[in-house]
């Protein structure tokens, strides 16, 4: 496995509910990735439930501006959402729409969705992945899905997922470092 340089890992949570299961699952995903990458870098969480009120304003509040910078400065970005109407939340879309084109060009983004129904399993690949790619992110495959009826096994599911994507993330981080050195 390629050992990447220390990376700034940011978790973006698009659930409108504070202290949501989506947030808990996203934290587990970030922990699994950090363990696999051996990264000494810190992890940060941007929870959009705390920023929802400012998302519709033309002049972004300071906390929203800081969240936008944090997301844009991430080396690794875990983007988590529950499935709403078969896709990610409007809250997440509204936040990501505020970012300029190419805003995630220096990030490896990892989509993660908590599914209410197994019929939505492709939403992570069909809906969330293209959005992150449109913003310029490198998006390894596969995205992570955790069905609500398997929340208790989320750690196990995410550890298996992290084992699959961590080598891709490490390789992308190493290649980016080599290109900028």
N, C-alpha and C. Protein backbone atom coordinates (compact mmCIF):
# COMPACT_ATOMS: atom_id res chain seq x y z
N UNK A 1 0.84 -1.18 0.00
CA UNK A 1 0.00 0.00 0.00
C UNK A 1 0.89 1.25 0.00
N UNK A 2 0.48 2.23 -0.76
CA UNK A 2 1.17 3.51 -0.81
C UNK A 2 0.84 4.28 0.46
N UNK A 3 1.85 4.82 1.13
CA UNK A 3 1.60 5.61 2.33
C UNK A 3 1.48 7.07 1.94
N UNK A 4 0.31 7.65 2.14
CA UNK A 4 0.12 9.04 1.75
C UNK A 4 0.71 9.99 2.79
N UNK A 5 0.95 11.22 2.40
CA UNK A 5 1.35 12.22 3.39
C UNK A 5 0.16 12.50 4.31
N UNK A 6 0.39 13.11 5.46
CA UNK A 6 -0.74 13.45 6.33
C UNK A 6 -1.77 14.25 5.55
N UNK A 7 -3.02 13.92 5.75
CA UNK A 7 -4.09 14.55 5.00
C UNK A 7 -5.11 15.17 5.96
N UNK A 8 -5.71 16.24 5.50
CA UNK A 8 -6.77 16.88 6.26
C UNK A 8 -8.08 16.22 5.86
N UNK A 9 -8.67 15.48 6.76
CA UNK A 9 -9.91 14.77 6.50
C UNK A 9 -11.08 15.58 7.07
N UNK A 10 -12.03 15.90 6.21
CA UNK A 10 -13.22 16.66 6.61
C UNK A 10 -14.44 15.81 6.32
N UNK A 11 -15.37 15.79 7.25
CA UNK A 11 -16.63 15.08 7.08
C UNK A 11 -17.73 16.12 6.94
N UNK A 12 -18.44 16.06 5.83
CA UNK A 12 -19.56 16.96 5.54
C UNK A 12 -20.85 16.18 5.71
N UNK A 13 -21.69 16.61 6.65
CA UNK A 13 -22.93 15.90 6.97
C UNK A 13 -24.11 16.72 6.46
N UNK A 14 -24.88 16.11 5.55
CA UNK A 14 -26.01 16.80 4.92
C UNK A 14 -27.36 16.44 5.48
N UNK A 15 -27.43 15.97 6.70
CA UNK A 15 -28.72 15.65 7.32
C UNK A 15 -29.23 16.90 8.02
N UNK A 16 -30.49 17.28 7.80
CA UNK A 16 -31.01 18.48 8.47
C UNK A 16 -31.24 18.32 9.97
N UNK A 17 -31.16 17.11 10.48
CA UNK A 17 -31.37 16.88 11.91
C UNK A 17 -30.04 16.91 12.67
N UNK A 18 -29.98 17.69 13.75
CA UNK A 18 -28.77 17.67 14.58
C UNK A 18 -28.58 16.29 15.22
N UNK A 19 -27.32 15.92 15.46
CA UNK A 19 -26.98 14.65 16.12
C UNK A 19 -27.66 13.46 15.45
N UNK A 20 -27.65 13.45 14.13
CA UNK A 20 -28.34 12.44 13.35
C UNK A 20 -27.56 11.13 13.28
N UNK A 21 -28.25 10.07 12.87
CA UNK A 21 -27.59 8.80 12.61
C UNK A 21 -26.61 8.95 11.46
N UNK A 22 -26.95 9.80 10.50
CA UNK A 22 -26.05 10.04 9.37
C UNK A 22 -24.72 10.58 9.88
N UNK A 23 -24.77 11.50 10.81
CA UNK A 23 -23.53 12.04 11.38
C UNK A 23 -22.74 10.94 12.09
N UNK A 24 -23.42 10.13 12.88
CA UNK A 24 -22.73 9.05 13.60
C UNK A 24 -22.07 8.08 12.62
N UNK A 25 -22.77 7.74 11.54
CA UNK A 25 -22.21 6.83 10.54
C UNK A 25 -21.03 7.50 9.83
N UNK A 26 -21.16 8.78 9.52
CA UNK A 26 -20.07 9.50 8.84
C UNK A 26 -18.82 9.55 9.71
N UNK A 27 -18.99 9.73 11.00
CA UNK A 27 -17.84 9.72 11.92
C UNK A 27 -17.17 8.35 11.92
N UNK A 28 -17.97 7.29 11.91
CA UNK A 28 -17.41 5.94 11.83
C UNK A 28 -16.63 5.74 10.53
N UNK A 29 -17.16 6.27 9.44
CA UNK A 29 -16.46 6.16 8.15
C UNK A 29 -15.13 6.90 8.19
N UNK A 30 -15.12 8.10 8.76
CA UNK A 30 -13.88 8.88 8.86
C UNK A 30 -12.86 8.14 9.73
N UNK A 31 -13.32 7.55 10.83
CA UNK A 31 -12.41 6.78 11.70
C UNK A 31 -11.84 5.57 10.97
N UNK A 32 -12.68 4.86 10.22
CA UNK A 32 -12.21 3.69 9.48
C UNK A 32 -11.18 4.10 8.44
N UNK A 33 -11.42 5.21 7.75
CA UNK A 33 -10.47 5.69 6.74
C UNK A 33 -9.16 6.12 7.38
N UNK A 34 -9.25 6.88 8.45
CA UNK A 34 -8.05 7.36 9.12
C UNK A 34 -7.21 6.18 9.59
N UNK A 35 -7.87 5.17 10.13
CA UNK A 35 -7.15 3.97 10.57
C UNK A 35 -6.44 3.27 9.42
N UNK A 36 -7.10 3.18 8.28
CA UNK A 36 -6.51 2.52 7.11
C UNK A 36 -5.41 3.34 6.47
N UNK A 37 -5.57 4.66 6.48
CA UNK A 37 -4.58 5.53 5.84
C UNK A 37 -3.38 5.78 6.74
N UNK A 38 -3.53 5.50 8.03
CA UNK A 38 -2.44 5.75 8.95
C UNK A 38 -2.14 7.24 9.07
N UNK A 39 -3.11 8.04 8.77
CA UNK A 39 -2.91 9.49 8.76
C UNK A 39 -2.90 10.05 10.17
N UNK A 40 -1.97 10.93 10.40
CA UNK A 40 -1.91 11.61 11.70
C UNK A 40 -2.70 12.91 11.68
N UNK A 41 -3.30 13.19 10.53
CA UNK A 41 -4.01 14.46 10.38
C UNK A 41 -5.29 14.48 11.20
N UNK A 42 -5.71 15.68 11.52
CA UNK A 42 -6.94 15.83 12.28
C UNK A 42 -8.17 15.63 11.41
N UNK A 43 -9.25 15.34 12.08
CA UNK A 43 -10.52 15.20 11.40
C UNK A 43 -11.42 16.33 11.85
N UNK A 44 -12.15 16.87 10.89
CA UNK A 44 -13.08 17.95 11.18
C UNK A 44 -14.45 17.56 10.67
N UNK A 45 -15.49 18.09 11.31
CA UNK A 45 -16.85 17.82 10.89
C UNK A 45 -17.55 19.14 10.57
N UNK A 46 -18.18 19.18 9.40
CA UNK A 46 -19.05 20.28 9.03
C UNK A 46 -20.45 19.69 9.01
N UNK A 47 -21.26 20.03 10.00
CA UNK A 47 -22.62 19.52 10.12
C UNK A 47 -23.57 20.61 9.64
N UNK A 48 -24.18 20.38 8.48
CA UNK A 48 -25.02 21.40 7.87
C UNK A 48 -26.29 21.70 8.65
N UNK A 49 -26.68 20.81 9.56
CA UNK A 49 -27.89 21.10 10.35
C UNK A 49 -27.71 22.38 11.16
N UNK A 50 -26.49 22.69 11.54
CA UNK A 50 -26.21 23.90 12.33
C UNK A 50 -26.11 25.15 11.44
N UNK A 51 -26.02 24.96 10.14
CA UNK A 51 -25.81 26.08 9.22
C UNK A 51 -27.01 26.34 8.31
N UNK A 52 -28.05 25.55 8.44
CA UNK A 52 -29.18 25.59 7.52
C UNK A 52 -29.80 26.98 7.39
N UNK A 53 -29.92 27.70 8.49
CA UNK A 53 -30.59 29.01 8.45
C UNK A 53 -29.88 30.01 7.54
N UNK A 54 -28.57 29.91 7.44
CA UNK A 54 -27.81 30.86 6.64
C UNK A 54 -27.66 30.49 5.18
N UNK A 55 -28.06 29.28 4.80
CA UNK A 55 -27.82 28.81 3.43
C UNK A 55 -28.58 29.59 2.37
N UNK A 56 -29.72 30.14 2.72
CA UNK A 56 -30.51 30.87 1.73
C UNK A 56 -30.16 32.33 1.61
N UNK A 57 -29.29 32.83 2.46
CA UNK A 57 -28.98 34.26 2.44
C UNK A 57 -27.91 34.58 1.40
N UNK A 58 -28.07 35.73 0.76
CA UNK A 58 -27.10 36.15 -0.26
C UNK A 58 -25.74 36.44 0.37
N UNK A 59 -25.75 37.06 1.54
CA UNK A 59 -24.50 37.33 2.27
C UNK A 59 -24.35 36.23 3.32
N UNK A 60 -23.46 35.30 3.05
CA UNK A 60 -23.28 34.16 3.94
C UNK A 60 -22.78 34.59 5.31
N UNK A 61 -23.39 34.06 6.38
CA UNK A 61 -22.88 34.32 7.73
C UNK A 61 -21.44 33.79 7.86
N UNK A 62 -20.72 34.31 8.82
CA UNK A 62 -19.32 33.93 9.01
C UNK A 62 -19.15 32.41 9.20
N UNK A 63 -20.05 31.79 9.95
CA UNK A 63 -19.94 30.34 10.18
C UNK A 63 -20.08 29.56 8.87
N UNK A 64 -20.95 30.01 8.00
CA UNK A 64 -21.14 29.34 6.70
C UNK A 64 -19.91 29.55 5.82
N UNK A 65 -19.36 30.75 5.83
CA UNK A 65 -18.13 31.01 5.06
C UNK A 65 -16.99 30.13 5.54
N UNK A 66 -16.88 29.98 6.85
CA UNK A 66 -15.83 29.13 7.42
C UNK A 66 -16.04 27.68 7.01
N UNK A 67 -17.29 27.22 7.00
CA UNK A 67 -17.59 25.85 6.59
C UNK A 67 -17.23 25.64 5.12
N UNK A 68 -17.54 26.61 4.28
CA UNK A 68 -17.19 26.51 2.85
C UNK A 68 -15.68 26.40 2.67
N UNK A 69 -14.93 27.20 3.41
CA UNK A 69 -13.46 27.14 3.33
C UNK A 69 -12.94 25.79 3.82
N UNK A 70 -13.50 25.32 4.91
CA UNK A 70 -13.08 24.02 5.46
C UNK A 70 -13.27 22.91 4.44
N UNK A 71 -14.42 22.89 3.80
CA UNK A 71 -14.72 21.86 2.80
C UNK A 71 -13.77 22.00 1.60
N UNK A 72 -13.56 23.22 1.14
CA UNK A 72 -12.69 23.44 -0.03
C UNK A 72 -11.23 23.13 0.26
N UNK A 73 -10.82 23.23 1.52
CA UNK A 73 -9.43 22.97 1.89
C UNK A 73 -9.16 21.51 2.26
N UNK A 74 -10.18 20.67 2.22
CA UNK A 74 -10.01 19.26 2.60
C UNK A 74 -9.14 18.53 1.59
N UNK A 75 -8.32 17.64 2.10
CA UNK A 75 -7.60 16.70 1.24
C UNK A 75 -8.49 15.50 0.96
N UNK A 76 -9.16 15.03 2.01
CA UNK A 76 -10.11 13.92 1.91
C UNK A 76 -11.43 14.43 2.49
N UNK A 77 -12.49 14.26 1.72
CA UNK A 77 -13.81 14.78 2.11
C UNK A 77 -14.81 13.64 2.09
N UNK A 78 -15.31 13.27 3.26
CA UNK A 78 -16.39 12.30 3.37
C UNK A 78 -17.69 13.11 3.31
N UNK A 79 -18.52 12.81 2.31
CA UNK A 79 -19.77 13.56 2.12
C UNK A 79 -20.92 12.61 2.41
N UNK A 80 -21.64 12.88 3.50
CA UNK A 80 -22.66 11.97 3.99
C UNK A 80 -24.05 12.59 3.94
N UNK A 81 -25.01 11.78 3.51
CA UNK A 81 -26.40 12.21 3.45
C UNK A 81 -27.31 11.01 3.65
N UNK A 82 -28.47 11.24 4.27
CA UNK A 82 -29.49 10.20 4.23
C UNK A 82 -30.14 10.26 2.84
N UNK A 83 -30.85 9.22 2.46
CA UNK A 83 -31.61 9.30 1.22
C UNK A 83 -32.93 9.99 1.51
N UNK A 84 -33.22 11.02 0.75
CA UNK A 84 -34.50 11.73 0.79
C UNK A 84 -35.05 11.67 -0.62
N UNK A 85 -36.21 11.10 -0.77
CA UNK A 85 -36.85 10.99 -2.09
C UNK A 85 -35.92 10.33 -3.10
N UNK A 86 -35.16 9.34 -2.67
CA UNK A 86 -34.31 8.57 -3.56
C UNK A 86 -32.96 9.18 -3.89
N UNK A 87 -32.61 10.29 -3.25
CA UNK A 87 -31.33 10.94 -3.52
C UNK A 87 -30.83 11.62 -2.24
N UNK A 88 -29.81 12.46 -2.36
CA UNK A 88 -29.27 13.18 -1.21
C UNK A 88 -30.21 14.32 -0.83
N UNK A 89 -29.96 14.94 0.31
CA UNK A 89 -30.85 16.00 0.81
C UNK A 89 -30.69 17.30 0.05
N UNK A 90 -31.75 18.07 0.07
CA UNK A 90 -31.71 19.42 -0.50
C UNK A 90 -30.74 20.30 0.25
N UNK A 91 -30.60 20.07 1.54
CA UNK A 91 -29.66 20.83 2.37
C UNK A 91 -28.24 20.66 1.85
N UNK A 92 -27.86 19.42 1.56
CA UNK A 92 -26.52 19.16 1.03
C UNK A 92 -26.36 19.81 -0.34
N UNK A 93 -27.36 19.68 -1.19
CA UNK A 93 -27.29 20.27 -2.54
C UNK A 93 -27.18 21.78 -2.46
N UNK A 94 -27.95 22.41 -1.60
CA UNK A 94 -27.90 23.87 -1.45
C UNK A 94 -26.50 24.32 -1.02
N UNK A 95 -25.91 23.60 -0.07
CA UNK A 95 -24.56 23.95 0.37
C UNK A 95 -23.56 23.79 -0.76
N UNK A 96 -23.58 22.64 -1.43
CA UNK A 96 -22.60 22.39 -2.49
C UNK A 96 -22.81 23.33 -3.68
N UNK A 97 -24.04 23.76 -3.92
CA UNK A 97 -24.30 24.72 -5.00
C UNK A 97 -23.67 26.08 -4.72
N UNK A 98 -23.38 26.40 -3.47
CA UNK A 98 -22.74 27.67 -3.13
C UNK A 98 -21.26 27.68 -3.50
N UNK A 99 -20.66 26.49 -3.66
CA UNK A 99 -19.23 26.41 -3.97
C UNK A 99 -19.01 26.72 -5.44
N UNK A 100 -17.91 27.38 -5.76
CA UNK A 100 -17.62 27.66 -7.17
C UNK A 100 -17.22 26.40 -7.93
N UNK A 101 -17.33 26.44 -9.24
CA UNK A 101 -16.90 25.32 -10.06
C UNK A 101 -15.45 24.98 -9.77
N UNK A 102 -15.15 23.70 -9.70
CA UNK A 102 -13.79 23.26 -9.42
C UNK A 102 -13.36 23.41 -7.98
N UNK A 103 -14.29 23.73 -7.09
CA UNK A 103 -13.94 23.99 -5.68
C UNK A 103 -13.33 22.78 -4.98
N UNK A 104 -13.62 21.59 -5.47
CA UNK A 104 -13.10 20.39 -4.81
C UNK A 104 -11.99 19.72 -5.62
N UNK A 105 -11.36 20.49 -6.51
CA UNK A 105 -10.35 19.92 -7.40
C UNK A 105 -9.14 19.35 -6.66
N UNK A 106 -8.89 19.78 -5.45
CA UNK A 106 -7.74 19.24 -4.72
C UNK A 106 -8.16 18.18 -3.71
N UNK A 107 -9.43 17.75 -3.76
CA UNK A 107 -9.94 16.81 -2.76
C UNK A 107 -10.22 15.43 -3.35
N UNK A 108 -10.03 14.44 -2.50
CA UNK A 108 -10.54 13.10 -2.77
C UNK A 108 -11.85 13.05 -1.99
N UNK A 109 -12.97 12.93 -2.71
CA UNK A 109 -14.28 12.93 -2.05
C UNK A 109 -14.86 11.53 -2.03
N UNK A 110 -15.42 11.19 -0.90
CA UNK A 110 -15.98 9.86 -0.69
C UNK A 110 -17.45 9.98 -0.31
N UNK A 111 -18.34 9.63 -1.24
CA UNK A 111 -19.77 9.73 -0.95
C UNK A 111 -20.25 8.60 -0.05
N UNK A 112 -21.15 8.94 0.86
CA UNK A 112 -21.71 7.98 1.81
C UNK A 112 -23.18 8.30 1.99
N UNK A 113 -24.02 7.29 1.92
CA UNK A 113 -25.45 7.52 2.12
C UNK A 113 -26.01 6.49 3.10
N UNK A 114 -26.90 6.97 3.97
CA UNK A 114 -27.66 6.11 4.86
C UNK A 114 -29.01 5.91 4.17
N UNK A 115 -29.34 4.63 3.93
CA UNK A 115 -30.50 4.28 3.13
C UNK A 115 -31.68 3.88 3.98
N UNK A 116 -32.84 4.46 3.70
CA UNK A 116 -34.07 4.03 4.35
C UNK A 116 -34.62 2.78 3.70
N UNK A 117 -34.28 2.57 2.45
CA UNK A 117 -34.79 1.44 1.69
C UNK A 117 -33.70 0.96 0.74
N UNK A 118 -33.54 -0.34 0.65
CA UNK A 118 -32.50 -0.92 -0.20
C UNK A 118 -32.67 -0.53 -1.67
N UNK A 119 -33.87 -0.14 -2.08
CA UNK A 119 -34.09 0.29 -3.47
C UNK A 119 -33.28 1.54 -3.81
N UNK A 120 -32.81 2.24 -2.81
CA UNK A 120 -32.05 3.48 -3.04
C UNK A 120 -30.53 3.25 -3.04
N UNK A 121 -30.10 2.01 -3.08
CA UNK A 121 -28.68 1.69 -2.96
C UNK A 121 -27.82 2.34 -4.04
N UNK A 122 -28.36 2.56 -5.22
CA UNK A 122 -27.58 3.17 -6.30
C UNK A 122 -27.51 4.69 -6.20
N UNK A 123 -28.26 5.30 -5.30
CA UNK A 123 -28.27 6.76 -5.20
C UNK A 123 -26.88 7.33 -4.95
N UNK A 124 -26.05 6.62 -4.20
CA UNK A 124 -24.70 7.10 -3.91
C UNK A 124 -23.87 7.21 -5.19
N UNK A 125 -24.08 6.27 -6.11
CA UNK A 125 -23.31 6.25 -7.36
C UNK A 125 -23.95 7.10 -8.45
N UNK A 126 -25.27 7.08 -8.52
CA UNK A 126 -25.99 7.72 -9.61
C UNK A 126 -26.23 9.21 -9.37
N UNK A 127 -26.37 9.60 -8.10
CA UNK A 127 -26.69 10.99 -7.80
C UNK A 127 -25.56 11.75 -7.10
N UNK A 128 -25.02 11.19 -6.02
CA UNK A 128 -24.03 11.93 -5.23
C UNK A 128 -22.66 11.96 -5.90
N UNK A 129 -22.21 10.85 -6.45
CA UNK A 129 -20.90 10.81 -7.13
C UNK A 129 -20.81 11.87 -8.24
N UNK A 130 -21.79 11.97 -9.16
CA UNK A 130 -21.68 12.96 -10.23
C UNK A 130 -21.63 14.40 -9.72
N UNK A 131 -22.34 14.68 -8.63
CA UNK A 131 -22.30 16.02 -8.06
C UNK A 131 -20.89 16.36 -7.58
N UNK A 132 -20.25 15.43 -6.89
CA UNK A 132 -18.89 15.66 -6.39
C UNK A 132 -17.89 15.75 -7.54
N UNK A 133 -18.08 14.94 -8.55
CA UNK A 133 -17.21 14.98 -9.73
C UNK A 133 -17.36 16.32 -10.45
N UNK A 134 -18.58 16.81 -10.53
CA UNK A 134 -18.84 18.10 -11.18
C UNK A 134 -18.09 19.23 -10.48
N UNK A 135 -17.91 19.10 -9.17
CA UNK A 135 -17.17 20.12 -8.42
C UNK A 135 -15.65 19.90 -8.49
N UNK A 136 -15.22 18.90 -9.26
CA UNK A 136 -13.80 18.69 -9.50
C UNK A 136 -13.12 17.65 -8.65
N UNK A 137 -13.84 17.03 -7.73
CA UNK A 137 -13.23 16.06 -6.81
C UNK A 137 -12.85 14.77 -7.53
N UNK A 138 -11.81 14.12 -7.01
CA UNK A 138 -11.50 12.74 -7.38
C UNK A 138 -12.42 11.88 -6.52
N UNK A 139 -13.15 10.95 -7.12
CA UNK A 139 -14.12 10.17 -6.36
C UNK A 139 -13.85 8.68 -6.59
N UNK A 140 -13.08 8.05 -5.67
CA UNK A 140 -12.82 6.61 -5.79
C UNK A 140 -14.12 5.81 -5.69
N UNK A 141 -14.04 4.59 -6.10
CA UNK A 141 -15.23 3.75 -6.07
C UNK A 141 -15.00 2.54 -5.17
N UNK A 142 -15.97 2.04 -4.51
CA UNK A 142 -17.37 2.42 -4.51
C UNK A 142 -17.67 3.45 -3.42
N UNK A 143 -18.82 4.11 -3.57
CA UNK A 143 -19.32 4.94 -2.48
C UNK A 143 -19.83 4.02 -1.38
N UNK A 144 -19.99 4.55 -0.20
CA UNK A 144 -20.45 3.74 0.94
C UNK A 144 -21.95 3.88 1.12
N UNK A 145 -22.59 2.76 1.44
CA UNK A 145 -24.01 2.78 1.78
C UNK A 145 -24.20 1.99 3.08
N UNK A 146 -25.04 2.54 3.93
CA UNK A 146 -25.40 1.86 5.17
C UNK A 146 -26.93 1.88 5.27
N UNK A 147 -27.56 0.73 5.11
CA UNK A 147 -29.02 0.67 5.27
C UNK A 147 -29.40 0.93 6.73
N UNK A 148 -30.50 1.63 6.92
CA UNK A 148 -30.94 1.93 8.28
C UNK A 148 -31.11 0.67 9.12
N UNK A 149 -31.58 -0.42 8.49
CA UNK A 149 -31.78 -1.64 9.25
C UNK A 149 -30.48 -2.35 9.61
N UNK A 150 -29.34 -1.76 9.19
CA UNK A 150 -28.03 -2.34 9.55
C UNK A 150 -27.14 -1.31 10.26
N UNK A 151 -27.75 -0.29 10.82
CA UNK A 151 -27.00 0.75 11.55
C UNK A 151 -26.12 0.13 12.63
N UNK A 152 -26.61 -0.90 13.31
CA UNK A 152 -25.81 -1.54 14.36
C UNK A 152 -24.54 -2.16 13.81
N UNK A 153 -24.53 -2.54 12.55
CA UNK A 153 -23.35 -3.14 11.92
C UNK A 153 -22.56 -2.11 11.10
N UNK A 154 -22.85 -0.83 11.28
CA UNK A 154 -22.21 0.21 10.47
C UNK A 154 -20.69 0.16 10.57
N UNK A 155 -20.16 -0.05 11.75
CA UNK A 155 -18.70 -0.11 11.91
C UNK A 155 -18.09 -1.20 11.05
N UNK A 156 -18.70 -2.37 11.06
CA UNK A 156 -18.22 -3.49 10.26
C UNK A 156 -18.34 -3.20 8.76
N UNK A 157 -19.49 -2.67 8.36
CA UNK A 157 -19.70 -2.35 6.94
C UNK A 157 -18.70 -1.29 6.46
N UNK A 158 -18.48 -0.28 7.28
CA UNK A 158 -17.59 0.81 6.88
C UNK A 158 -16.13 0.41 6.93
N UNK A 159 -15.78 -0.51 7.81
CA UNK A 159 -14.41 -1.01 7.83
C UNK A 159 -14.10 -1.76 6.54
N UNK A 160 -15.05 -2.57 6.08
CA UNK A 160 -14.88 -3.29 4.81
C UNK A 160 -14.79 -2.31 3.65
N UNK A 161 -15.63 -1.28 3.67
CA UNK A 161 -15.59 -0.25 2.63
C UNK A 161 -14.26 0.49 2.65
N UNK A 162 -13.80 0.87 3.84
CA UNK A 162 -12.53 1.60 3.96
C UNK A 162 -11.37 0.76 3.45
N UNK A 163 -11.42 -0.55 3.70
CA UNK A 163 -10.36 -1.44 3.20
C UNK A 163 -10.31 -1.41 1.68
N UNK A 164 -11.45 -1.24 1.06
CA UNK A 164 -11.53 -1.21 -0.40
C UNK A 164 -11.07 0.13 -0.99
N UNK A 165 -11.47 1.24 -0.36
CA UNK A 165 -11.17 2.54 -0.96
C UNK A 165 -9.87 3.18 -0.47
N UNK A 166 -9.40 2.80 0.71
CA UNK A 166 -8.20 3.43 1.26
C UNK A 166 -6.98 3.34 0.34
N UNK A 167 -6.72 2.21 -0.32
CA UNK A 167 -5.58 2.19 -1.24
C UNK A 167 -5.73 3.19 -2.40
N UNK A 168 -6.96 3.36 -2.88
CA UNK A 168 -7.19 4.35 -3.94
C UNK A 168 -6.94 5.76 -3.42
N UNK A 169 -7.46 6.04 -2.22
CA UNK A 169 -7.27 7.37 -1.61
C UNK A 169 -5.78 7.64 -1.40
N UNK A 170 -5.07 6.67 -0.85
CA UNK A 170 -3.64 6.83 -0.60
C UNK A 170 -2.89 7.09 -1.90
N UNK A 171 -3.23 6.34 -2.94
CA UNK A 171 -2.56 6.54 -4.23
C UNK A 171 -2.84 7.91 -4.81
N UNK A 172 -4.07 8.39 -4.71
CA UNK A 172 -4.42 9.72 -5.22
C UNK A 172 -3.70 10.81 -4.44
N UNK A 173 -3.64 10.67 -3.11
CA UNK A 173 -2.94 11.67 -2.30
C UNK A 173 -1.45 11.69 -2.61
N UNK A 174 -0.86 10.51 -2.77
CA UNK A 174 0.58 10.43 -3.10
C UNK A 174 0.85 11.03 -4.47
N UNK A 175 -0.01 10.74 -5.44
CA UNK A 175 0.18 11.28 -6.80
C UNK A 175 0.03 12.80 -6.79
N UNK A 176 -0.94 13.30 -6.04
CA UNK A 176 -1.10 14.75 -5.97
C UNK A 176 0.11 15.41 -5.35
N UNK A 177 0.66 14.79 -4.31
CA UNK A 177 1.84 15.33 -3.65
C UNK A 177 3.04 15.32 -4.61
N UNK A 178 3.18 14.25 -5.35
CA UNK A 178 4.29 14.14 -6.32
C UNK A 178 4.18 15.21 -7.41
N UNK A 179 2.95 15.51 -7.82
CA UNK A 179 2.75 16.52 -8.88
C UNK A 179 3.03 17.93 -8.38
N UNK A 180 2.78 18.18 -7.10
CA UNK A 180 2.97 19.53 -6.57
C UNK A 180 4.34 19.75 -5.96
N UNK A 181 5.17 18.70 -5.88
CA UNK A 181 6.51 18.86 -5.30
C UNK A 181 7.51 19.29 -6.35
